[in-house]
Amino acid sequence: MPPLARHKFAWPVRAIHWLAAGLILLAYLTSELMEEIEEGEYVGINWHVFAGLLLLALFLPRVLAKLFTKAPPITPPPPRATVLPAKLVTLALLLFVLVQPVLGVLLVWSDGHALAVPLTDWSLPPLLVLGEGGEDFLEDAHETLGNAFYAVIALHALAALWHHLFKRDDTLRRML
C-alpha cells in the first residue's frame, strides 16, 4: 500500500462523499426550479427530484461504507474536545441526507400526486395523501430543513478548510 493511501478514507467512502456533494449542489441550484414546475412553466427533467432520489439511494451504501471501513486517523491528532462536535456534525449530515429527500417525496405525495422518477418511465404512487394543510407543512419543513442542511454543510466545509489551512493537519486530504 502506498504511504499516503493509508491516510485516506477508503475509495468507496470518498466516491460517495463527493457524489453526494455534487448531488446536494445540484439540488440547491435547482430548488427554485420546483416552483416553475408546480406552475406548469417548465417542461423537462426535474433535476431537483433526480438529485434528491439519488441522494436517498446513496444513503444505505454510505452508511455501510462508514460501518465497514475504518476512518484513517487525523495526523496530527485533533484535541479531544473537537472529536464529539465533529462526530455530531457527521451524524447531522447523514440524517439530513436521509430526512430531506424523504420529506421531498412526502411533499409530492401529500397532494395525491405520483412521484415521477426522472430519466425513467417509472413513478412512485402516493402512499399517503394529506391535502393542502399537510402539503403546506411539508413544504415549509422541507425548505426550513434544507436551509439548516446548507448551514451544516457550510460548517463542515469551513471546518475542513480550517484544518487544512490553519491547523495544517490531514483532515481534508483524507477525503481527497
Protein backbone atom coordinates (compact mmCIF):
# COMPACT_ATOMS: atom_id res chain seq x y z
CA MET A 1 0.00 0.00 0.00
CA PRO A 2 1.46 3.42 -0.93
CA PRO A 3 2.34 5.51 2.14
CA LEU A 4 -0.38 8.12 1.56
CA ALA A 5 -3.11 5.55 0.84
CA ARG A 6 -3.31 4.51 4.48
CA HIS A 7 -4.07 8.14 5.42
CA LYS A 8 -7.12 8.38 3.15
CA PHE A 9 -10.66 7.14 3.54
CA ALA A 10 -11.43 4.02 1.51
CA TRP A 11 -12.27 4.86 -2.10
CA PRO A 12 -16.00 3.96 -1.75
CA VAL A 13 -16.35 6.43 1.13
CA ARG A 14 -14.59 9.17 -0.87
CA ALA A 15 -16.60 8.43 -4.02
CA ILE A 16 -19.92 8.50 -2.18
CA HIS A 17 -18.91 11.68 -0.32
CA TRP A 18 -18.06 13.63 -3.48
CA LEU A 19 -21.00 12.24 -5.47
CA ALA A 20 -23.31 13.30 -2.62
CA ALA A 21 -21.67 16.74 -2.54
CA GLY A 22 -22.34 17.13 -6.28
CA LEU A 23 -25.95 15.96 -5.89
CA ILE A 24 -26.52 18.37 -3.00
CA LEU A 25 -25.14 21.21 -5.12
CA LEU A 26 -27.43 20.17 -7.99
CA ALA A 27 -30.43 20.06 -5.62
CA TYR A 28 -29.55 23.51 -4.28
CA LEU A 29 -29.10 25.03 -7.74
CA THR A 30 -32.41 23.59 -8.97
CA SER A 31 -34.53 24.23 -5.87
CA GLU A 32 -36.17 27.31 -7.41
CA LEU A 33 -36.99 25.23 -10.47
CA MET A 34 -39.60 23.39 -8.39
CA GLU A 35 -41.81 26.49 -8.32
CA GLU A 36 -41.70 26.71 -12.12
CA ILE A 37 -42.58 23.02 -12.38
CA GLU A 38 -45.52 23.42 -9.97
CA GLU A 39 -46.83 26.37 -12.01
CA GLY A 40 -46.50 24.40 -15.25
CA GLU A 41 -43.90 26.80 -16.69
CA TYR A 42 -41.16 24.17 -17.05
CA VAL A 43 -41.11 21.02 -19.08
CA GLY A 44 -38.07 18.77 -18.86
CA ILE A 45 -36.07 16.72 -16.42
CA ASN A 46 -36.77 17.56 -12.81
CA TRP A 47 -33.13 17.74 -11.71
CA HIS A 48 -34.09 18.65 -8.14
CA VAL A 49 -36.06 15.43 -7.71
CA PHE A 50 -33.36 13.50 -9.58
CA ALA A 51 -30.69 14.73 -7.14
CA GLY A 52 -32.88 14.04 -4.10
CA LEU A 53 -33.74 10.49 -5.15
CA LEU A 54 -30.11 9.68 -5.90
CA LEU A 55 -29.09 11.08 -2.50
CA LEU A 56 -31.68 8.84 -0.90
CA ALA A 57 -30.41 5.85 -2.90
CA LEU A 58 -26.86 6.59 -1.70
CA PHE A 59 -27.86 6.60 1.96
CA LEU A 60 -27.56 2.85 2.58
CA PRO A 61 -24.24 2.43 0.71
CA ARG A 62 -22.93 5.47 2.59
CA VAL A 63 -23.86 4.03 5.99
CA LEU A 64 -22.49 0.60 5.06
CA ALA A 65 -19.23 2.13 3.84
CA LYS A 66 -18.91 4.06 7.10
CA LEU A 67 -19.67 0.95 9.19
CA PHE A 68 -17.36 -1.43 7.37
CA THR A 69 -14.36 0.77 6.67
CA LYS A 70 -12.10 2.29 9.26
CA ALA A 71 -11.61 6.05 9.16
CA PRO A 72 -7.93 6.90 8.88
CA PRO A 73 -6.52 8.78 11.85
CA ILE A 74 -6.04 12.52 11.61
CA THR A 75 -2.37 13.47 11.72
CA PRO A 76 -1.52 15.19 13.96
CA PRO A 77 -4.41 14.09 16.20
CA PRO A 78 -7.01 16.78 16.95
CA PRO A 79 -7.72 17.93 20.51
CA ARG A 80 -10.14 15.56 22.29
CA ALA A 81 -12.64 18.40 22.78
CA THR A 82 -13.20 18.59 19.00
CA VAL A 83 -13.91 14.90 18.41
CA LEU A 84 -17.52 14.87 19.68
CA PRO A 85 -18.59 18.02 17.77
CA ALA A 86 -17.08 16.55 14.59
CA LYS A 87 -18.98 13.30 15.10
CA LEU A 88 -22.21 15.22 15.74
CA VAL A 89 -21.81 17.21 12.51
CA THR A 90 -21.18 13.95 10.61
CA LEU A 91 -24.29 12.41 12.17
CA ALA A 92 -26.34 15.53 11.32
CA LEU A 93 -25.18 15.35 7.70
CA LEU A 94 -26.13 11.67 7.47
CA LEU A 95 -29.56 12.38 8.94
CA PHE A 96 -30.11 15.31 6.56
CA VAL A 97 -29.23 13.10 3.58
CA LEU A 98 -31.96 10.70 4.69
CA VAL A 99 -34.65 13.03 6.02
CA GLN A 100 -34.52 15.79 3.40
CA PRO A 101 -35.24 13.55 0.37
CA VAL A 102 -37.93 11.66 2.32
CA LEU A 103 -39.62 14.98 3.10
CA GLY A 104 -39.44 15.83 -0.60
CA VAL A 105 -41.11 12.56 -1.57
CA LEU A 106 -43.79 13.01 1.09
CA LEU A 107 -44.35 16.57 -0.14
CA VAL A 108 -45.09 15.39 -3.67
CA TRP A 109 -47.32 12.59 -2.38
CA SER A 110 -49.15 14.82 0.12
CA ASP A 111 -51.37 16.27 -2.58
CA GLY A 112 -52.07 12.87 -4.13
CA HIS A 113 -49.50 13.09 -6.95
CA ALA A 114 -47.30 10.21 -8.01
CA LEU A 115 -43.58 10.97 -7.92
CA ALA A 116 -42.15 10.67 -11.43
CA VAL A 117 -38.66 9.18 -11.34
CA PRO A 118 -36.56 11.35 -13.68
CA LEU A 119 -34.94 9.69 -16.70
CA THR A 120 -37.28 6.68 -16.40
CA ASP A 121 -40.89 5.82 -17.18
CA TRP A 122 -41.42 4.91 -13.52
CA SER A 123 -43.39 6.76 -10.93
CA LEU A 124 -43.91 6.13 -7.25
CA PRO A 125 -47.62 6.20 -6.43
CA PRO A 126 -48.61 8.21 -3.37
CA LEU A 127 -48.59 6.16 -0.19
CA LEU A 128 -50.26 8.94 1.76
CA VAL A 129 -52.39 11.93 0.88
CA LEU A 130 -52.55 14.78 3.38
CA GLY A 131 -54.24 17.55 1.45
CA GLU A 132 -53.31 21.22 1.39
CA GLY A 133 -52.62 21.65 5.12
CA GLY A 134 -50.22 18.71 5.11
CA GLU A 135 -48.66 19.87 1.87
CA ASP A 136 -48.02 23.35 3.31
CA PHE A 137 -46.46 21.87 6.46
CA LEU A 138 -44.20 19.53 4.47
CA GLU A 139 -43.18 22.31 2.08
CA ASP A 140 -42.20 24.55 5.00
CA ALA A 141 -40.39 21.68 6.72
CA HIS A 142 -38.52 20.74 3.52
CA GLU A 143 -37.43 24.33 2.92
CA THR A 144 -36.50 25.04 6.56
CA LEU A 145 -34.61 21.78 6.94
CA GLY A 146 -32.91 22.42 3.61
CA ASN A 147 -31.64 25.77 4.86
CA ALA A 148 -30.40 24.15 8.08
CA PHE A 149 -28.76 21.42 5.95
CA TYR A 150 -26.88 24.03 3.89
CA ALA A 151 -25.73 25.74 7.11
CA VAL A 152 -24.33 22.46 8.48
CA ILE A 153 -22.68 21.76 5.11
CA ALA A 154 -21.06 25.20 5.25
CA LEU A 155 -19.84 24.48 8.79
CA HIS A 156 -18.46 21.13 7.60
CA ALA A 157 -16.65 22.72 4.63
CA LEU A 158 -15.29 25.61 6.71
CA ALA A 159 -14.02 23.17 9.34
CA ALA A 160 -12.25 21.14 6.65
CA LEU A 161 -10.63 24.32 5.29
CA TRP A 162 -9.72 25.44 8.82
CA HIS A 163 -7.97 22.13 9.43
CA HIS A 164 -6.18 22.30 6.08
CA LEU A 165 -5.11 25.96 6.09
CA PHE A 166 -4.62 26.77 9.76
CA LYS A 167 -4.23 23.54 11.72
CA ARG A 168 -2.21 22.04 8.87
CA ASP A 169 -3.38 18.52 9.61
CA ASP A 170 -4.56 15.96 7.04
CA THR A 171 -8.32 16.13 7.77
CA LEU A 172 -9.16 17.40 4.28
CA ARG A 173 -6.53 15.35 2.44
CA ARG A 174 -8.04 12.13 3.86
CA MET A 175 -11.17 12.75 1.73
CA LEU A 176 -9.38 13.81 -1.46
